[in-house]
């Protein structure tokens, strides 16, 4: 699923995002509002991982939605 589709369906996908990244708060998920770059930063911050690892996790998440 392309990120444009994910962004457009963010409200419907918030539950799946919460399942994938349970450490993100509801407020943080609302702030992300489907923006991939913001999600990337939040994952790096919350999980203490490098950008390339956070990017890989996001790509894996995208693949689960196809």
N, C-alpha and C. Protein backbone atom coordinates (compact mmCIF):
# COMPACT_ATOMS: atom_id res chain seq x y z
N UNK A 1 0.85 -1.17 0.00
CA UNK A 1 0.00 0.00 0.00
C UNK A 1 0.90 1.23 0.00
N UNK A 2 0.60 2.17 -0.86
CA UNK A 2 1.43 3.37 -0.93
C UNK A 2 1.17 4.26 0.28
N UNK A 3 2.15 5.07 0.59
CA UNK A 3 2.01 5.93 1.76
C UNK A 3 0.92 6.97 1.54
N UNK A 4 0.65 7.39 0.32
CA UNK A 4 -0.44 8.33 0.06
C UNK A 4 -1.77 7.74 0.48
N UNK A 5 -1.97 6.46 0.22
CA UNK A 5 -3.20 5.78 0.62
C UNK A 5 -3.26 5.68 2.15
N UNK A 6 -2.13 5.35 2.75
CA UNK A 6 -2.09 5.26 4.21
C UNK A 6 -2.43 6.61 4.83
N UNK A 7 -1.82 7.66 4.31
CA UNK A 7 -2.09 8.99 4.84
C UNK A 7 -3.56 9.36 4.69
N UNK A 8 -4.14 9.02 3.54
CA UNK A 8 -5.55 9.32 3.30
C UNK A 8 -6.50 8.54 4.19
N UNK A 9 -6.07 7.38 4.64
CA UNK A 9 -6.90 6.52 5.49
C UNK A 9 -6.40 6.45 6.92
N UNK A 10 -5.68 7.48 7.34
CA UNK A 10 -5.03 7.47 8.65
C UNK A 10 -6.00 7.17 9.78
N UNK A 11 -7.17 7.80 9.77
CA UNK A 11 -8.11 7.58 10.88
C UNK A 11 -8.50 6.12 10.99
N UNK A 12 -8.68 5.46 9.85
CA UNK A 12 -9.05 4.05 9.87
C UNK A 12 -7.87 3.15 10.26
N UNK A 13 -6.66 3.61 10.02
CA UNK A 13 -5.47 2.79 10.26
C UNK A 13 -4.82 3.04 11.62
N UNK A 14 -5.32 3.99 12.38
CA UNK A 14 -4.68 4.32 13.66
C UNK A 14 -4.59 3.12 14.60
N UNK A 15 -5.59 2.26 14.58
CA UNK A 15 -5.56 1.07 15.43
C UNK A 15 -4.42 0.14 15.05
N UNK A 16 -4.19 -0.03 13.76
CA UNK A 16 -3.10 -0.89 13.30
C UNK A 16 -1.75 -0.27 13.65
N UNK A 17 -1.66 1.05 13.59
CA UNK A 17 -0.43 1.74 13.96
C UNK A 17 -0.17 1.52 15.45
N UNK A 18 -1.21 1.62 16.25
CA UNK A 18 -1.09 1.42 17.69
C UNK A 18 -0.66 -0.01 18.00
N UNK A 19 -1.17 -0.99 17.23
CA UNK A 19 -0.75 -2.38 17.41
C UNK A 19 0.73 -2.56 17.06
N UNK A 20 1.16 -1.91 15.98
CA UNK A 20 2.55 -2.06 15.52
C UNK A 20 3.53 -1.35 16.45
N UNK A 21 3.14 -0.20 16.95
CA UNK A 21 4.03 0.61 17.79
C UNK A 21 3.28 1.04 19.05
N UNK A 22 3.12 0.09 19.95
CA UNK A 22 2.33 0.29 21.16
C UNK A 22 2.85 1.36 22.10
N UNK A 23 4.11 1.72 21.97
CA UNK A 23 4.65 2.75 22.86
C UNK A 23 4.23 4.16 22.45
N UNK A 24 3.70 4.30 21.24
CA UNK A 24 3.21 5.61 20.81
C UNK A 24 1.88 5.89 21.50
N UNK A 25 1.73 7.09 22.03
CA UNK A 25 0.48 7.46 22.68
C UNK A 25 -0.55 7.85 21.63
N UNK A 26 -1.81 7.89 22.05
CA UNK A 26 -2.88 8.30 21.14
C UNK A 26 -2.64 9.72 20.64
N UNK A 27 -2.15 10.59 21.52
CA UNK A 27 -1.85 11.97 21.12
C UNK A 27 -0.76 12.01 20.06
N UNK A 28 0.27 11.20 20.23
CA UNK A 28 1.35 11.15 19.24
C UNK A 28 0.85 10.63 17.90
N UNK A 29 0.00 9.62 17.94
CA UNK A 29 -0.56 9.08 16.70
C UNK A 29 -1.41 10.14 16.01
N UNK A 30 -2.15 10.92 16.78
CA UNK A 30 -2.93 12.03 16.20
C UNK A 30 -2.01 13.08 15.60
N UNK A 31 -0.90 13.39 16.27
CA UNK A 31 0.05 14.38 15.76
C UNK A 31 0.70 13.91 14.46
N UNK A 32 0.94 12.63 14.34
CA UNK A 32 1.56 12.08 13.13
C UNK A 32 0.67 12.33 11.93
N UNK A 33 -0.63 12.15 12.10
CA UNK A 33 -1.64 12.46 11.08
C UNK A 33 -1.29 11.88 9.71
N UNK A 34 -0.68 10.71 9.70
CA UNK A 34 -0.37 10.06 8.45
C UNK A 34 0.91 10.50 7.78
N UNK A 35 1.65 11.39 8.39
CA UNK A 35 2.90 11.88 7.81
C UNK A 35 4.03 10.90 8.12
N UNK A 36 4.58 10.29 7.09
CA UNK A 36 5.58 9.24 7.24
C UNK A 36 6.83 9.75 7.95
N UNK A 37 7.27 10.96 7.61
CA UNK A 37 8.49 11.48 8.22
C UNK A 37 8.33 11.72 9.72
N UNK A 38 7.14 12.12 10.12
CA UNK A 38 6.88 12.34 11.55
C UNK A 38 6.83 10.99 12.27
N UNK A 39 6.18 10.01 11.66
CA UNK A 39 6.15 8.66 12.23
C UNK A 39 7.57 8.12 12.38
N UNK A 40 8.39 8.32 11.37
CA UNK A 40 9.78 7.87 11.40
C UNK A 40 10.50 8.45 12.62
N UNK A 41 10.37 9.74 12.82
CA UNK A 41 11.02 10.40 13.96
C UNK A 41 10.50 9.91 15.29
N UNK A 42 9.20 9.72 15.39
CA UNK A 42 8.61 9.25 16.66
C UNK A 42 9.08 7.84 16.99
N UNK A 43 9.17 6.98 15.97
CA UNK A 43 9.63 5.61 16.21
C UNK A 43 11.09 5.63 16.66
N UNK A 44 11.92 6.44 16.01
CA UNK A 44 13.32 6.54 16.41
C UNK A 44 13.42 6.99 17.88
N UNK A 45 12.64 7.99 18.22
CA UNK A 45 12.68 8.57 19.56
C UNK A 45 12.19 7.57 20.61
N UNK A 46 11.04 6.96 20.38
CA UNK A 46 10.43 6.08 21.37
C UNK A 46 11.20 4.77 21.56
N UNK A 47 11.73 4.25 20.46
CA UNK A 47 12.37 2.94 20.52
C UNK A 47 13.89 3.03 20.55
N UNK A 48 14.44 4.23 20.43
CA UNK A 48 15.88 4.41 20.49
C UNK A 48 16.62 3.67 19.39
N UNK A 49 16.09 3.75 18.19
CA UNK A 49 16.71 3.04 17.06
C UNK A 49 17.16 4.04 16.00
N UNK A 50 18.02 3.56 15.11
CA UNK A 50 18.54 4.40 14.03
C UNK A 50 17.47 4.61 12.96
N UNK A 51 17.70 5.64 12.15
CA UNK A 51 16.75 5.99 11.12
C UNK A 51 16.52 4.83 10.14
N UNK A 52 17.59 4.16 9.75
CA UNK A 52 17.42 3.07 8.77
C UNK A 52 16.61 1.91 9.35
N UNK A 53 16.75 1.64 10.63
CA UNK A 53 15.95 0.59 11.26
C UNK A 53 14.48 1.01 11.37
N UNK A 54 14.24 2.26 11.73
CA UNK A 54 12.86 2.76 11.80
C UNK A 54 12.22 2.73 10.42
N UNK A 55 12.98 3.09 9.40
CA UNK A 55 12.47 3.07 8.03
C UNK A 55 12.11 1.63 7.62
N UNK A 56 12.95 0.68 7.99
CA UNK A 56 12.67 -0.72 7.68
C UNK A 56 11.39 -1.18 8.35
N UNK A 57 11.19 -0.78 9.59
CA UNK A 57 9.97 -1.17 10.31
C UNK A 57 8.73 -0.56 9.66
N UNK A 58 8.85 0.67 9.19
CA UNK A 58 7.72 1.29 8.51
C UNK A 58 7.43 0.56 7.20
N UNK A 59 8.48 0.21 6.44
CA UNK A 59 8.28 -0.53 5.19
C UNK A 59 7.62 -1.89 5.47
N UNK A 60 8.06 -2.56 6.53
CA UNK A 60 7.44 -3.84 6.90
C UNK A 60 5.97 -3.63 7.24
N UNK A 61 5.66 -2.55 7.94
CA UNK A 61 4.26 -2.22 8.27
C UNK A 61 3.46 -1.98 6.99
N UNK A 62 4.01 -1.22 6.07
CA UNK A 62 3.33 -0.96 4.79
C UNK A 62 3.01 -2.28 4.09
N UNK A 63 3.94 -3.21 4.10
CA UNK A 63 3.75 -4.50 3.43
C UNK A 63 2.63 -5.33 4.06
N UNK A 64 2.40 -5.16 5.36
CA UNK A 64 1.31 -5.89 5.99
C UNK A 64 -0.04 -5.37 5.56
N UNK A 65 -0.10 -4.18 5.02
CA UNK A 65 -1.36 -3.57 4.61
C UNK A 65 -1.74 -3.89 3.17
N UNK A 66 -0.82 -4.47 2.40
CA UNK A 66 -1.11 -4.78 1.00
C UNK A 66 -2.11 -5.91 0.86
